[in-house]
């Protein structure tokens, strides 16, 4: 089965041949081109499946981020959508984030970058979302968390309890929910304005550090991808 670990046993052409890496805007596609242009590097001859899988993790992060942006824009335009779809995308996003954490901890990566998790601090910062809610929920499988922490962590990606929003830069907090019982038209306009002026935000209580983490996929994603690509590039090019 070792045949599957050597990139030399696979034929694939670079879809961006002739284009400078820096001109490839999508980072997972840039990482794939970097890999295909460096087929003789040693870690690609022994850990191709590790590395190509990590590139697919980066592609997954980009995919779920793009879906969150698209759905948020649709809601801001007045589309009638089930907001729960965004929560599904966010859970998938942090699960891909968790996969990349374990890639960084692998023995293959350690050959090129000892203590590689130190090079992906944003990914590590948001890892509790994956560990306490997405991979499994602490309220279902407690691992020493207090009862209050279990409840707070279970609420992180649950639309049923609340929705947290963060104002976009430059937007003044001048609006508030309608007073009393508003009719359907007024509430629809209010929700549309929320989505236009704010980013969907997810919060999780990290009991170990006694902090409330806030994840805003639309604004945190660029740094997440930058860190992931940087580590991938170092691993691919190592010799």
C-alpha atoms as a PDB file:
ATOM      1  CA  UNK A   1       0.000   0.000   0.000  1.00  0.00           C
ATOM      2  CA  UNK A   2       3.029   2.308   0.215  1.00  0.00           C
ATOM      3  CA  UNK A   3       2.517   3.028  -3.460  1.00  0.00           C
ATOM      4  CA  UNK A   4      -0.240   5.445  -2.455  1.00  0.00           C
ATOM      5  CA  UNK A   5       2.094   7.509  -0.266  1.00  0.00           C
ATOM      6  CA  UNK A   6       4.435   8.525  -3.123  1.00  0.00           C
ATOM      7  CA  UNK A   7       3.354  11.354  -5.428  1.00  0.00           C
ATOM      8  CA  UNK A   8       5.543   9.801  -8.110  1.00  0.00           C
ATOM      9  CA  UNK A   9       2.888   7.118  -8.614  1.00  0.00           C
ATOM     10  CA  UNK A  10       0.218   9.667  -9.516  1.00  0.00           C
ATOM     11  CA  UNK A  11      -0.168  11.651 -12.715  1.00  0.00           C
ATOM     12  CA  UNK A  12      -1.721  15.079 -12.320  1.00  0.00           C
ATOM     13  CA  UNK A  13      -1.190  18.272 -14.265  1.00  0.00           C
ATOM     14  CA  UNK A  14      -1.015  21.724 -12.737  1.00  0.00           C
ATOM     15  CA  UNK A  15      -4.218  23.559 -13.783  1.00  0.00           C
ATOM     16  CA  UNK A  16      -2.378  26.864 -13.249  1.00  0.00           C
ATOM     17  CA  UNK A  17       0.755  26.026 -15.217  1.00  0.00           C
ATOM     18  CA  UNK A  18       2.561  29.156 -16.345  1.00  0.00           C
ATOM     19  CA  UNK A  19       0.930  31.323 -13.694  1.00  0.00           C
ATOM     20  CA  UNK A  20       2.998  32.711 -10.828  1.00  0.00           C
ATOM     21  CA  UNK A  21       1.942  31.218  -7.506  1.00  0.00           C
ATOM     22  CA  UNK A  22       1.180  34.659  -6.082  1.00  0.00           C
ATOM     23  CA  UNK A  23      -1.279  35.218  -8.936  1.00  0.00           C
ATOM     24  CA  UNK A  24      -3.416  32.228  -7.903  1.00  0.00           C
ATOM     25  CA  UNK A  25      -5.994  33.888  -5.622  1.00  0.00           C
ATOM     26  CA  UNK A  26      -7.554  30.810  -4.003  1.00  0.00           C
ATOM     27  CA  UNK A  27      -5.119  29.497  -1.409  1.00  0.00           C
ATOM     28  CA  UNK A  28      -5.980  25.813  -1.643  1.00  0.00           C
ATOM     29  CA  UNK A  29      -5.490  25.951  -5.401  1.00  0.00           C
ATOM     30  CA  UNK A  30      -2.181  27.743  -4.841  1.00  0.00           C
ATOM     31  CA  UNK A  31      -1.132  24.990  -2.428  1.00  0.00           C
ATOM     32  CA  UNK A  32      -2.049  22.305  -4.959  1.00  0.00           C
ATOM     33  CA  UNK A  33      -0.026  24.015  -7.679  1.00  0.00           C
ATOM     34  CA  UNK A  34       2.909  24.349  -5.289  1.00  0.00           C
ATOM     35  CA  UNK A  35       2.723  20.632  -4.592  1.00  0.00           C
ATOM     36  CA  UNK A  36       2.532  19.661  -8.268  1.00  0.00           C
ATOM     37  CA  UNK A  37       5.479  21.909  -9.127  1.00  0.00           C
ATOM     38  CA  UNK A  38       7.642  20.256  -6.468  1.00  0.00           C
ATOM     39  CA  UNK A  39       6.981  16.575  -7.030  1.00  0.00           C
ATOM     40  CA  UNK A  40      10.557  15.539  -6.169  1.00  0.00           C
ATOM     41  CA  UNK A  41      10.527  16.964  -2.635  1.00  0.00           C
ATOM     42  CA  UNK A  42      11.131  14.217  -0.056  1.00  0.00           C
ATOM     43  CA  UNK A  43       7.977  14.548   2.017  1.00  0.00           C
ATOM     44  CA  UNK A  44       5.851  14.234  -1.117  1.00  0.00           C
ATOM     45  CA  UNK A  45       7.585  10.933  -1.853  1.00  0.00           C
ATOM     46  CA  UNK A  46       6.612   9.485   1.530  1.00  0.00           C
ATOM     47  CA  UNK A  47       3.593  11.465   2.677  1.00  0.00           C
ATOM     48  CA  UNK A  48       1.648  12.431  -0.440  1.00  0.00           C
ATOM     49  CA  UNK A  49      -1.662  11.310   1.064  1.00  0.00           C
ATOM     50  CA  UNK A  50      -0.994  13.329   4.215  1.00  0.00           C
ATOM     51  CA  UNK A  51      -0.229  16.484   2.269  1.00  0.00           C
ATOM     52  CA  UNK A  52      -2.896  16.248  -0.425  1.00  0.00           C
ATOM     53  CA  UNK A  53      -5.419  15.524   2.315  1.00  0.00           C
ATOM     54  CA  UNK A  54      -4.374  18.676   4.159  1.00  0.00           C
ATOM     55  CA  UNK A  55      -4.804  20.670   0.951  1.00  0.00           C
ATOM     56  CA  UNK A  56      -8.337  19.273   0.749  1.00  0.00           C
ATOM     57  CA  UNK A  57      -8.881  20.410   4.346  1.00  0.00           C
ATOM     58  CA  UNK A  58      -7.909  23.920   3.272  1.00  0.00           C
ATOM     59  CA  UNK A  59     -10.290  23.615   0.322  1.00  0.00           C
ATOM     60  CA  UNK A  60     -13.044  22.589   2.738  1.00  0.00           C
ATOM     61  CA  UNK A  61     -12.407  25.628   4.916  1.00  0.00           C
ATOM     62  CA  UNK A  62     -12.707  27.856   1.867  1.00  0.00           C
ATOM     63  CA  UNK A  63     -15.855  26.057   0.693  1.00  0.00           C
ATOM     64  CA  UNK A  64     -17.721  26.421   3.983  1.00  0.00           C
ATOM     65  CA  UNK A  65     -16.578  30.029   4.425  1.00  0.00           C
ATOM     66  CA  UNK A  66     -17.837  30.883   0.944  1.00  0.00           C
ATOM     67  CA  UNK A  67     -21.188  29.278   1.712  1.00  0.00           C
ATOM     68  CA  UNK A  68     -21.518  31.322   4.895  1.00  0.00           C
ATOM     69  CA  UNK A  69     -20.754  34.506   2.951  1.00  0.00           C
ATOM     70  CA  UNK A  70     -23.254  33.591   0.224  1.00  0.00           C
ATOM     71  CA  UNK A  71     -26.058  32.719   2.621  1.00  0.00           C
ATOM     72  CA  UNK A  72     -25.430  35.847   4.705  1.00  0.00           C
ATOM     73  CA  UNK A  73     -25.543  38.011   1.579  1.00  0.00           C
ATOM     74  CA  UNK A  74     -28.791  36.340   0.508  1.00  0.00           C
ATOM     75  CA  UNK A  75     -30.365  37.080   3.892  1.00  0.00           C
ATOM     76  CA  UNK A  76     -29.132  40.675   3.707  1.00  0.00           C
ATOM     77  CA  UNK A  77     -30.859  40.957   0.331  1.00  0.00           C
ATOM     78  CA  UNK A  78     -34.144  39.812   1.852  1.00  0.00           C
ATOM     79  CA  UNK A  79     -34.138  36.172   0.808  1.00  0.00           C
ATOM     80  CA  UNK A  80     -36.285  33.828   2.880  1.00  0.00           C
ATOM     81  CA  UNK A  81     -33.868  31.157   4.073  1.00  0.00           C
ATOM     82  CA  UNK A  82     -33.514  28.841   7.027  1.00  0.00           C
ATOM     83  CA  UNK A  83     -30.756  30.472   9.083  1.00  0.00           C
ATOM     84  CA  UNK A  84     -29.868  27.051  10.485  1.00  0.00           C
ATOM     85  CA  UNK A  85     -28.030  26.350   7.222  1.00  0.00           C
ATOM     86  CA  UNK A  86     -25.313  28.782   8.322  1.00  0.00           C
ATOM     87  CA  UNK A  87     -24.887  26.864  11.564  1.00  0.00           C
ATOM     88  CA  UNK A  88     -24.431  23.618   9.638  1.00  0.00           C
ATOM     89  CA  UNK A  89     -21.739  25.289   7.548  1.00  0.00           C
ATOM     90  CA  UNK A  90     -20.003  26.612  10.664  1.00  0.00           C
ATOM     91  CA  UNK A  91     -19.928  23.175  12.297  1.00  0.00           C
ATOM     92  CA  UNK A  92     -18.398  21.736   9.123  1.00  0.00           C
ATOM     93  CA  UNK A  93     -15.892  24.620   9.075  1.00  0.00           C
ATOM     94  CA  UNK A  94     -14.565  23.965  12.571  1.00  0.00           C
ATOM     95  CA  UNK A  95     -14.403  20.227  11.903  1.00  0.00           C
ATOM     96  CA  UNK A  96     -12.095  20.906   8.948  1.00  0.00           C
ATOM     97  CA  UNK A  97     -10.146  23.223  11.240  1.00  0.00           C
ATOM     98  CA  UNK A  98      -9.770  20.345  13.692  1.00  0.00           C
ATOM     99  CA  UNK A  99      -8.535  18.026  10.962  1.00  0.00           C
ATOM    100  CA  UNK A 100      -5.817  20.513  10.089  1.00  0.00           C
ATOM    101  CA  UNK A 101      -4.774  20.700  13.749  1.00  0.00           C
ATOM    102  CA  UNK A 102      -4.100  16.964  13.731  1.00  0.00           C
ATOM    103  CA  UNK A 103      -2.222  17.214  10.428  1.00  0.00           C
ATOM    104  CA  UNK A 104       0.022  19.820  12.079  1.00  0.00           C
ATOM    105  CA  UNK A 105       0.633  17.412  14.982  1.00  0.00           C
ATOM    106  CA  UNK A 106       1.539  14.495  12.701  1.00  0.00           C
ATOM    107  CA  UNK A 107       4.953  12.843  12.681  1.00  0.00           C
ATOM    108  CA  UNK A 108       5.343  13.719   8.998  1.00  0.00           C
ATOM    109  CA  UNK A 109       4.947  17.440   9.627  1.00  0.00           C
ATOM    110  CA  UNK A 110       7.258  17.234  12.643  1.00  0.00           C
ATOM    111  CA  UNK A 111      10.118  16.336  10.301  1.00  0.00           C
ATOM    112  CA  UNK A 112       9.844  19.744   8.661  1.00  0.00           C
ATOM    113  CA  UNK A 113       8.367  21.863  11.462  1.00  0.00           C
ATOM    114  CA  UNK A 114       8.828  20.758  15.072  1.00  0.00           C
ATOM    115  CA  UNK A 115       6.012  22.102  17.265  1.00  0.00           C
ATOM    116  CA  UNK A 116       4.074  23.035  14.130  1.00  0.00           C
ATOM    117  CA  UNK A 117       0.935  23.966  16.051  1.00  0.00           C
ATOM    118  CA  UNK A 118       2.794  27.068  17.256  1.00  0.00           C
ATOM    119  CA  UNK A 119       2.760  28.291  13.642  1.00  0.00           C
ATOM    120  CA  UNK A 120      -1.045  28.157  13.409  1.00  0.00           C
ATOM    121  CA  UNK A 121      -2.161  30.168  16.472  1.00  0.00           C
ATOM    122  CA  UNK A 122      -5.527  31.238  15.051  1.00  0.00           C
ATOM    123  CA  UNK A 123      -6.468  27.665  14.230  1.00  0.00           C
ATOM    124  CA  UNK A 124      -5.390  26.602  17.714  1.00  0.00           C
ATOM    125  CA  UNK A 125      -7.349  29.455  19.287  1.00  0.00           C
ATOM    126  CA  UNK A 126     -10.611  28.237  17.792  1.00  0.00           C
ATOM    127  CA  UNK A 127      -9.934  24.513  18.314  1.00  0.00           C
ATOM    128  CA  UNK A 128     -12.212  24.346  21.421  1.00  0.00           C
ATOM    129  CA  UNK A 129     -15.210  24.893  19.113  1.00  0.00           C
ATOM    130  CA  UNK A 130     -14.329  21.603  17.456  1.00  0.00           C
ATOM    131  CA  UNK A 131     -13.408  19.749  20.641  1.00  0.00           C
ATOM    132  CA  UNK A 132     -16.375  20.827  22.782  1.00  0.00           C
ATOM    133  CA  UNK A 133     -19.189  21.067  20.233  1.00  0.00           C
ATOM    134  CA  UNK A 134     -18.499  19.960  16.652  1.00  0.00           C
ATOM    135  CA  UNK A 135     -16.634  16.658  16.974  1.00  0.00           C
ATOM    136  CA  UNK A 136     -18.826  15.803  19.948  1.00  0.00           C
ATOM    137  CA  UNK A 137     -20.713  17.959  22.411  1.00  0.00           C
ATOM    138  CA  UNK A 138     -19.467  18.117  25.979  1.00  0.00           C
ATOM    139  CA  UNK A 139     -23.067  17.992  27.171  1.00  0.00           C
ATOM    140  CA  UNK A 140     -23.341  14.518  25.591  1.00  0.00           C
ATOM    141  CA  UNK A 141     -19.861  13.206  26.422  1.00  0.00           C
ATOM    142  CA  UNK A 142     -18.490  15.250  29.361  1.00  0.00           C
ATOM    143  CA  UNK A 143     -14.755  15.242  29.902  1.00  0.00           C
ATOM    144  CA  UNK A 144     -14.507  17.030  33.193  1.00  0.00           C
ATOM    145  CA  UNK A 145     -16.487  20.126  32.205  1.00  0.00           C
ATOM    146  CA  UNK A 146     -18.764  21.663  34.812  1.00  0.00           C
ATOM    147  CA  UNK A 147     -22.507  21.534  34.258  1.00  0.00           C
ATOM    148  CA  UNK A 148     -22.639  25.249  33.432  1.00  0.00           C
ATOM    149  CA  UNK A 149     -19.806  24.908  30.913  1.00  0.00           C
ATOM    150  CA  UNK A 150     -21.589  22.000  29.222  1.00  0.00           C
ATOM    151  CA  UNK A 151     -24.708  24.134  28.768  1.00  0.00           C
ATOM    152  CA  UNK A 152     -22.806  27.119  27.419  1.00  0.00           C
ATOM    153  CA  UNK A 153     -20.796  24.936  25.024  1.00  0.00           C
ATOM    154  CA  UNK A 154     -23.932  23.173  23.781  1.00  0.00           C
ATOM    155  CA  UNK A 155     -25.390  26.567  22.859  1.00  0.00           C
ATOM    156  CA  UNK A 156     -22.473  27.514  20.584  1.00  0.00           C
ATOM    157  CA  UNK A 157     -23.927  26.396  17.248  1.00  0.00           C
ATOM    158  CA  UNK A 158     -27.562  26.081  18.263  1.00  0.00           C
ATOM    159  CA  UNK A 159     -29.976  28.453  16.535  1.00  0.00           C
ATOM    160  CA  UNK A 160     -32.735  27.427  18.930  1.00  0.00           C
ATOM    161  CA  UNK A 161     -31.343  29.442  21.852  1.00  0.00           C
ATOM    162  CA  UNK A 162     -30.022  32.669  20.354  1.00  0.00           C
ATOM    163  CA  UNK A 163     -28.189  34.391  17.523  1.00  0.00           C
ATOM    164  CA  UNK A 164     -25.163  36.603  18.135  1.00  0.00           C
ATOM    165  CA  UNK A 165     -24.158  39.278  15.616  1.00  0.00           C
ATOM    166  CA  UNK A 166     -21.090  41.533  15.403  1.00  0.00           C
ATOM    167  CA  UNK A 167     -21.424  44.920  13.729  1.00  0.00           C
ATOM    168  CA  UNK A 168     -19.379  45.391  10.579  1.00  0.00           C
ATOM    169  CA  UNK A 169     -16.639  48.047  10.641  1.00  0.00           C
ATOM    170  CA  UNK A 170     -18.005  51.538  10.170  1.00  0.00           C
ATOM    171  CA  UNK A 171     -21.574  50.620  11.087  1.00  0.00           C
ATOM    172  CA  UNK A 172     -23.020  52.631  13.952  1.00  0.00           C
ATOM    173  CA  UNK A 173     -25.174  50.762  16.437  1.00  0.00           C
ATOM    174  CA  UNK A 174     -28.189  53.020  15.904  1.00  0.00           C
ATOM    175  CA  UNK A 175     -30.899  50.418  15.401  1.00  0.00           C
ATOM    176  CA  UNK A 176     -32.708  48.241  17.895  1.00  0.00           C
ATOM    177  CA  UNK A 177     -35.393  45.549  17.733  1.00  0.00           C
ATOM    178  CA  UNK A 178     -38.954  46.773  17.275  1.00  0.00           C
ATOM    179  CA  UNK A 179     -40.791  47.551  20.492  1.00  0.00           C
ATOM    180  CA  UNK A 180     -43.706  45.368  21.467  1.00  0.00           C
ATOM    181  CA  UNK A 181     -45.245  42.912  19.045  1.00  0.00           C
ATOM    182  CA  UNK A 182     -44.133  43.873  15.536  1.00  0.00           C
ATOM    183  CA  UNK A 183     -45.904  42.726  12.411  1.00  0.00           C
ATOM    184  CA  UNK A 184     -44.254  40.387   9.930  1.00  0.00           C
ATOM    185  CA  UNK A 185     -43.142  43.160   7.571  1.00  0.00           C
ATOM    186  CA  UNK A 186     -41.410  45.141  10.301  1.00  0.00           C
ATOM    187  CA  UNK A 187     -39.636  42.047  11.647  1.00  0.00           C
ATOM    188  CA  UNK A 188     -38.521  41.023   8.157  1.00  0.00           C
ATOM    189  CA  UNK A 189     -37.009  44.484   7.604  1.00  0.00           C
ATOM    190  CA  UNK A 190     -35.288  44.328  10.986  1.00  0.00           C
ATOM    191  CA  UNK A 191     -33.734  40.909  10.275  1.00  0.00           C
ATOM    192  CA  UNK A 192     -32.633  42.007   6.814  1.00  0.00           C
ATOM    193  CA  UNK A 193     -30.882  45.033   8.301  1.00  0.00           C
ATOM    194  CA  UNK A 194     -29.183  42.823  10.882  1.00  0.00           C
ATOM    195  CA  UNK A 195     -27.696  40.650   8.171  1.00  0.00           C
ATOM    196  CA  UNK A 196     -26.694  43.661   6.101  1.00  0.00           C
ATOM    197  CA  UNK A 197     -24.931  45.476   8.965  1.00  0.00           C
ATOM    198  CA  UNK A 198     -23.526  42.556  10.985  1.00  0.00           C
ATOM    199  CA  UNK A 199     -21.596  39.315  10.841  1.00  0.00           C
ATOM    200  CA  UNK A 200     -22.943  36.097  12.326  1.00  0.00           C
ATOM    201  CA  UNK A 201     -20.886  35.304  15.427  1.00  0.00           C
ATOM    202  CA  UNK A 202     -20.391  32.071  17.361  1.00  0.00           C
ATOM    203  CA  UNK A 203     -19.381  32.008  21.018  1.00  0.00           C
ATOM    204  CA  UNK A 204     -18.012  29.178  23.146  1.00  0.00           C
ATOM    205  CA  UNK A 205     -16.987  29.150  26.786  1.00  0.00           C
ATOM    206  CA  UNK A 206     -13.448  27.788  27.189  1.00  0.00           C
ATOM    207  CA  UNK A 207     -13.595  26.681  30.806  1.00  0.00           C
ATOM    208  CA  UNK A 208      -9.924  25.741  30.967  1.00  0.00           C
ATOM    209  CA  UNK A 209      -8.865  29.323  30.245  1.00  0.00           C
ATOM    210  CA  UNK A 210     -12.017  30.944  31.672  1.00  0.00           C
ATOM    211  CA  UNK A 211     -12.650  32.927  28.490  1.00  0.00           C
ATOM    212  CA  UNK A 212     -15.493  33.264  26.011  1.00  0.00           C
ATOM    213  CA  UNK A 213     -14.162  32.657  22.507  1.00  0.00           C
ATOM    214  CA  UNK A 214     -15.853  34.443  19.618  1.00  0.00           C
ATOM    215  CA  UNK A 215     -15.585  33.095  16.081  1.00  0.00           C
ATOM    216  CA  UNK A 216     -16.632  35.292  13.173  1.00  0.00           C
ATOM    217  CA  UNK A 217     -15.939  33.089  10.168  1.00  0.00           C
ATOM    218  CA  UNK A 218     -16.140  35.918   7.648  1.00  0.00           C
ATOM    219  CA  UNK A 219     -13.422  37.965   9.358  1.00  0.00           C
ATOM    220  CA  UNK A 220     -11.298  35.234  10.982  1.00  0.00           C
ATOM    221  CA  UNK A 221     -11.102  33.058   7.870  1.00  0.00           C
ATOM    222  CA  UNK A 222      -8.330  34.950   6.012  1.00  0.00           C
ATOM    223  CA  UNK A 223      -5.894  34.460   8.902  1.00  0.00           C
ATOM    224  CA  UNK A 224      -6.919  30.814   9.313  1.00  0.00           C
ATOM    225  CA  UNK A 225      -6.183  30.139   5.649  1.00  0.00           C
ATOM    226  CA  UNK A 226      -2.960  32.135   5.686  1.00  0.00           C
ATOM    227  CA  UNK A 227      -1.622  30.049   8.559  1.00  0.00           C
ATOM    228  CA  UNK A 228      -2.701  26.771   6.949  1.00  0.00           C
ATOM    229  CA  UNK A 229      -1.135  27.672   3.614  1.00  0.00           C
ATOM    230  CA  UNK A 230       2.085  28.806   5.282  1.00  0.00           C
ATOM    231  CA  UNK A 231       2.502  25.490   7.066  1.00  0.00           C
ATOM    232  CA  UNK A 232       1.644  23.517   3.932  1.00  0.00           C
ATOM    233  CA  UNK A 233       4.216  25.445   1.903  1.00  0.00           C
ATOM    234  CA  UNK A 234       6.926  24.766   4.472  1.00  0.00           C
ATOM    235  CA  UNK A 235       6.123  21.046   4.553  1.00  0.00           C
ATOM    236  CA  UNK A 236       5.960  20.730   0.760  1.00  0.00           C
ATOM    237  CA  UNK A 237       9.249  22.524   0.164  1.00  0.00           C
ATOM    238  CA  UNK A 238      11.232  20.899   2.998  1.00  0.00           C
ATOM    239  CA  UNK A 239      14.278  18.830   2.085  1.00  0.00           C
END
